[in-house]
């Protein structure tokens, strides 16, 4: 019997955390990654849930792909400390004290 595997990270929670103060405190690059994540996710939703007649130009598509590649490159260029801090930010749950 196989069991489903669910992704650990919720995209809405990631978007919220990446747009917060804690992300900017890690680095300006992480804050920019957060902005791009939110905008690229919105475009993905538009593409996934719009009718096939959605009018997107080839240039818009190329620009979006270039932005996604740049965001991945920015993520890959984070140093080890920034990666750890980002991982903790994204996988932990905030508690009110």
N, C-alpha and C. Protein backbone atom coordinates (compact mmCIF):
# COMPACT_ATOMS: atom_id res chain seq x y z
N UNK A 1 0.84 -1.18 0.00
CA UNK A 1 0.00 0.00 0.00
C UNK A 1 0.89 1.24 0.00
N UNK A 2 0.59 2.18 -0.87
CA UNK A 2 1.36 3.41 -0.92
C UNK A 2 0.59 4.53 -0.24
N UNK A 3 1.33 5.43 0.36
CA UNK A 3 0.72 6.59 1.01
C UNK A 3 1.14 7.84 0.27
N UNK A 4 0.23 8.81 0.20
CA UNK A 4 0.61 10.05 -0.49
C UNK A 4 1.68 10.82 0.29
N UNK A 5 2.49 11.51 -0.44
CA UNK A 5 3.50 12.37 0.16
C UNK A 5 3.07 13.80 -0.11
N UNK A 6 3.02 14.60 0.93
CA UNK A 6 2.60 15.98 0.80
C UNK A 6 3.82 16.89 0.93
N UNK A 7 3.80 17.97 0.21
CA UNK A 7 4.92 18.91 0.32
C UNK A 7 4.89 19.55 1.71
N UNK A 8 6.05 19.80 2.23
CA UNK A 8 6.18 20.37 3.56
C UNK A 8 5.80 21.84 3.57
N UNK A 9 6.15 22.54 2.51
CA UNK A 9 5.98 23.99 2.49
C UNK A 9 4.68 24.39 1.81
N UNK A 10 3.94 25.22 2.48
CA UNK A 10 2.71 25.77 1.93
C UNK A 10 3.05 27.08 1.20
N UNK A 11 2.68 27.18 -0.05
CA UNK A 11 3.06 28.35 -0.85
C UNK A 11 2.54 29.66 -0.28
N UNK A 12 1.34 29.65 0.27
CA UNK A 12 0.80 30.89 0.85
C UNK A 12 1.64 31.32 2.05
N UNK A 13 2.05 30.35 2.85
CA UNK A 13 2.88 30.66 4.02
C UNK A 13 4.26 31.14 3.58
N UNK A 14 4.81 30.52 2.55
CA UNK A 14 6.11 30.97 2.04
C UNK A 14 6.02 32.41 1.56
N UNK A 15 4.99 32.71 0.80
CA UNK A 15 4.81 34.07 0.29
C UNK A 15 4.73 35.07 1.44
N UNK A 16 3.98 34.73 2.46
CA UNK A 16 3.84 35.61 3.62
C UNK A 16 5.17 35.80 4.35
N UNK A 17 5.88 34.73 4.56
CA UNK A 17 7.16 34.83 5.29
C UNK A 17 8.22 35.56 4.47
N UNK A 18 8.24 35.31 3.16
CA UNK A 18 9.24 35.97 2.32
C UNK A 18 8.97 37.46 2.16
N UNK A 19 7.76 37.88 2.43
CA UNK A 19 7.46 39.30 2.30
C UNK A 19 7.59 40.03 3.64
N UNK A 20 7.97 39.31 4.67
CA UNK A 20 8.05 39.90 6.00
C UNK A 20 9.43 40.45 6.34
N UNK A 21 9.47 41.05 7.50
CA UNK A 21 10.68 41.67 8.02
C UNK A 21 11.83 40.66 8.17
N UNK A 22 11.49 39.44 8.60
CA UNK A 22 12.53 38.44 8.83
C UNK A 22 13.31 38.10 7.56
N UNK A 23 12.63 38.05 6.44
CA UNK A 23 13.31 37.75 5.17
C UNK A 23 14.27 38.87 4.81
N UNK A 24 13.83 40.11 4.97
CA UNK A 24 14.69 41.25 4.66
C UNK A 24 15.89 41.30 5.59
N UNK A 25 15.73 40.81 6.82
CA UNK A 25 16.85 40.80 7.76
C UNK A 25 17.91 39.78 7.37
N UNK A 26 17.53 38.76 6.63
CA UNK A 26 18.53 37.79 6.16
C UNK A 26 19.43 38.46 5.14
N UNK A 27 18.82 39.09 4.14
CA UNK A 27 19.58 39.85 3.15
C UNK A 27 18.62 40.53 2.18
N UNK A 28 19.15 41.51 1.48
CA UNK A 28 18.35 42.18 0.44
C UNK A 28 18.02 41.19 -0.67
N UNK A 29 18.92 40.25 -0.94
CA UNK A 29 18.67 39.24 -1.97
C UNK A 29 17.48 38.37 -1.61
N UNK A 30 17.35 38.02 -0.33
CA UNK A 30 16.21 37.19 0.09
C UNK A 30 14.91 37.98 -0.03
N UNK A 31 14.96 39.26 0.30
CA UNK A 31 13.78 40.10 0.14
C UNK A 31 13.37 40.15 -1.34
N UNK A 32 14.33 40.27 -2.23
CA UNK A 32 14.05 40.29 -3.67
C UNK A 32 13.51 38.94 -4.15
N UNK A 33 14.06 37.87 -3.63
CA UNK A 33 13.56 36.53 -3.95
C UNK A 33 12.09 36.43 -3.54
N UNK A 34 11.76 37.00 -2.40
CA UNK A 34 10.38 36.99 -1.93
C UNK A 34 9.44 37.73 -2.85
N UNK A 35 9.87 38.89 -3.30
CA UNK A 35 9.05 39.67 -4.24
C UNK A 35 8.83 38.87 -5.52
N UNK A 36 9.90 38.30 -6.03
CA UNK A 36 9.80 37.52 -7.27
C UNK A 36 8.95 36.28 -7.08
N UNK A 37 9.09 35.61 -5.93
CA UNK A 37 8.29 34.42 -5.66
C UNK A 37 6.80 34.75 -5.74
N UNK A 38 6.41 35.83 -5.08
CA UNK A 38 5.00 36.22 -5.05
C UNK A 38 4.49 36.55 -6.46
N UNK A 39 5.26 37.30 -7.20
CA UNK A 39 4.82 37.71 -8.54
C UNK A 39 4.83 36.53 -9.51
N UNK A 40 5.83 35.66 -9.42
CA UNK A 40 5.86 34.48 -10.29
C UNK A 40 4.74 33.51 -9.94
N UNK A 41 4.43 33.39 -8.66
CA UNK A 41 3.32 32.52 -8.26
C UNK A 41 2.00 33.05 -8.79
N UNK A 42 1.81 34.35 -8.74
CA UNK A 42 0.58 34.95 -9.28
C UNK A 42 0.47 34.68 -10.78
N UNK A 43 1.58 34.78 -11.49
CA UNK A 43 1.57 34.50 -12.93
C UNK A 43 1.30 33.02 -13.21
N UNK A 44 1.84 32.15 -12.37
CA UNK A 44 1.57 30.72 -12.53
C UNK A 44 0.08 30.44 -12.34
N UNK A 45 -0.51 31.05 -11.33
CA UNK A 45 -1.95 30.86 -11.11
C UNK A 45 -2.75 31.38 -12.30
N UNK A 46 -2.35 32.52 -12.83
CA UNK A 46 -3.01 33.06 -14.01
C UNK A 46 -2.94 32.06 -15.17
N UNK A 47 -1.76 31.50 -15.39
CA UNK A 47 -1.59 30.54 -16.48
C UNK A 47 -2.36 29.25 -16.23
N UNK A 48 -2.36 28.79 -14.99
CA UNK A 48 -3.02 27.52 -14.68
C UNK A 48 -4.54 27.60 -14.71
N UNK A 49 -5.09 28.73 -14.29
CA UNK A 49 -6.54 28.80 -14.08
C UNK A 49 -7.29 29.69 -15.06
N UNK A 50 -6.59 30.27 -16.00
CA UNK A 50 -7.25 31.07 -17.03
C UNK A 50 -7.67 30.19 -18.20
N UNK A 51 -8.62 30.66 -18.97
CA UNK A 51 -9.00 29.87 -20.15
C UNK A 51 -7.85 29.81 -21.15
N UNK A 52 -7.87 28.79 -21.99
CA UNK A 52 -6.79 28.65 -22.99
C UNK A 52 -6.63 29.87 -23.89
N UNK A 53 -7.66 30.70 -23.95
CA UNK A 53 -7.59 31.88 -24.82
C UNK A 53 -6.81 33.04 -24.18
N UNK A 54 -6.25 32.84 -22.98
CA UNK A 54 -5.47 33.88 -22.33
C UNK A 54 -4.38 34.37 -23.27
N UNK A 55 -4.34 35.66 -23.47
CA UNK A 55 -3.41 36.25 -24.43
C UNK A 55 -2.11 36.67 -23.74
N UNK A 56 -1.09 35.85 -23.89
CA UNK A 56 0.24 36.13 -23.36
C UNK A 56 1.20 36.14 -24.54
N UNK A 57 1.93 37.22 -24.67
CA UNK A 57 2.86 37.31 -25.80
C UNK A 57 4.09 36.44 -25.55
N UNK A 58 4.75 36.12 -26.60
CA UNK A 58 5.98 35.34 -26.51
C UNK A 58 7.01 36.11 -25.68
N UNK A 59 7.06 37.43 -25.84
CA UNK A 59 8.01 38.25 -25.08
C UNK A 59 7.68 38.23 -23.59
N UNK A 60 6.39 38.28 -23.25
CA UNK A 60 6.01 38.20 -21.84
C UNK A 60 6.42 36.85 -21.24
N UNK A 61 6.22 35.79 -22.00
CA UNK A 61 6.59 34.46 -21.53
C UNK A 61 8.11 34.36 -21.35
N UNK A 62 8.85 34.87 -22.31
CA UNK A 62 10.32 34.84 -22.20
C UNK A 62 10.81 35.66 -21.01
N UNK A 63 10.20 36.80 -20.81
CA UNK A 63 10.56 37.66 -19.68
C UNK A 63 10.28 36.97 -18.35
N UNK A 64 9.17 36.29 -18.27
CA UNK A 64 8.81 35.57 -17.04
C UNK A 64 9.79 34.42 -16.77
N UNK A 65 10.14 33.69 -17.80
CA UNK A 65 11.11 32.60 -17.66
C UNK A 65 12.47 33.17 -17.23
N UNK A 66 12.88 34.27 -17.82
CA UNK A 66 14.15 34.89 -17.45
C UNK A 66 14.13 35.33 -15.98
N UNK A 67 13.00 35.86 -15.55
CA UNK A 67 12.87 36.29 -14.15
C UNK A 67 12.95 35.09 -13.21
N UNK A 68 12.31 34.00 -13.58
CA UNK A 68 12.37 32.79 -12.76
C UNK A 68 13.80 32.26 -12.69
N UNK A 69 14.49 32.26 -13.80
CA UNK A 69 15.90 31.80 -13.81
C UNK A 69 16.77 32.69 -12.95
N UNK A 70 16.56 34.00 -13.01
CA UNK A 70 17.33 34.93 -12.19
C UNK A 70 17.05 34.70 -10.71
N UNK A 71 15.80 34.44 -10.38
CA UNK A 71 15.44 34.19 -8.99
C UNK A 71 16.10 32.92 -8.48
N UNK A 72 16.13 31.89 -9.29
CA UNK A 72 16.81 30.65 -8.91
C UNK A 72 18.31 30.91 -8.74
N UNK A 73 18.88 31.66 -9.65
CA UNK A 73 20.30 32.01 -9.54
C UNK A 73 20.58 32.79 -8.26
N UNK A 74 19.70 33.74 -7.93
CA UNK A 74 19.85 34.50 -6.68
C UNK A 74 19.78 33.58 -5.47
N UNK A 75 18.87 32.64 -5.51
CA UNK A 75 18.73 31.69 -4.41
C UNK A 75 19.99 30.83 -4.28
N UNK A 76 20.50 30.38 -5.40
CA UNK A 76 21.71 29.56 -5.39
C UNK A 76 22.95 30.33 -4.96
N UNK A 77 22.92 31.65 -5.05
CA UNK A 77 24.09 32.45 -4.69
C UNK A 77 24.12 32.85 -3.21
N UNK A 78 23.09 32.48 -2.46
CA UNK A 78 23.11 32.77 -1.03
C UNK A 78 24.22 31.99 -0.36
N UNK A 79 24.85 32.59 0.65
CA UNK A 79 25.89 31.86 1.37
C UNK A 79 25.25 30.86 2.33
N UNK A 80 26.08 30.02 2.95
CA UNK A 80 25.57 28.96 3.80
C UNK A 80 24.72 29.49 4.96
N UNK A 81 25.16 30.56 5.59
CA UNK A 81 24.42 31.13 6.71
C UNK A 81 23.06 31.64 6.24
N UNK A 82 23.03 32.33 5.12
CA UNK A 82 21.76 32.84 4.58
C UNK A 82 20.83 31.68 4.22
N UNK A 83 21.37 30.61 3.67
CA UNK A 83 20.55 29.44 3.32
C UNK A 83 19.94 28.82 4.57
N UNK A 84 20.75 28.68 5.61
CA UNK A 84 20.23 28.11 6.86
C UNK A 84 19.14 28.98 7.45
N UNK A 85 19.39 30.29 7.49
CA UNK A 85 18.40 31.20 8.06
C UNK A 85 17.11 31.19 7.24
N UNK A 86 17.24 31.13 5.92
CA UNK A 86 16.06 31.06 5.06
C UNK A 86 15.30 29.76 5.29
N UNK A 87 16.02 28.65 5.39
CA UNK A 87 15.36 27.36 5.63
C UNK A 87 14.59 27.39 6.95
N UNK A 88 15.21 27.91 7.99
CA UNK A 88 14.54 27.99 9.29
C UNK A 88 13.30 28.88 9.18
N UNK A 89 13.42 29.99 8.48
CA UNK A 89 12.29 30.90 8.31
C UNK A 89 11.12 30.19 7.63
N UNK A 90 11.42 29.36 6.65
CA UNK A 90 10.36 28.76 5.84
C UNK A 90 9.76 27.49 6.44
N UNK A 91 10.53 26.77 7.26
CA UNK A 91 10.00 25.48 7.75
C UNK A 91 9.51 25.53 9.19
N UNK A 92 9.82 26.57 9.91
CA UNK A 92 9.35 26.63 11.29
C UNK A 92 8.01 27.35 11.37
N UNK A 93 7.31 27.08 12.44
CA UNK A 93 6.03 27.74 12.64
C UNK A 93 6.20 28.77 13.74
N UNK A 94 5.65 29.93 13.51
CA UNK A 94 5.72 31.01 14.50
C UNK A 94 4.77 30.70 15.65
N UNK A 95 5.20 31.06 16.85
CA UNK A 95 4.34 30.92 18.02
C UNK A 95 4.24 32.24 18.71
N UNK A 96 3.06 32.51 19.18
CA UNK A 96 2.87 33.72 19.96
C UNK A 96 3.27 33.39 21.40
N UNK A 97 4.02 34.27 21.99
CA UNK A 97 4.50 34.02 23.35
C UNK A 97 3.78 34.92 24.32
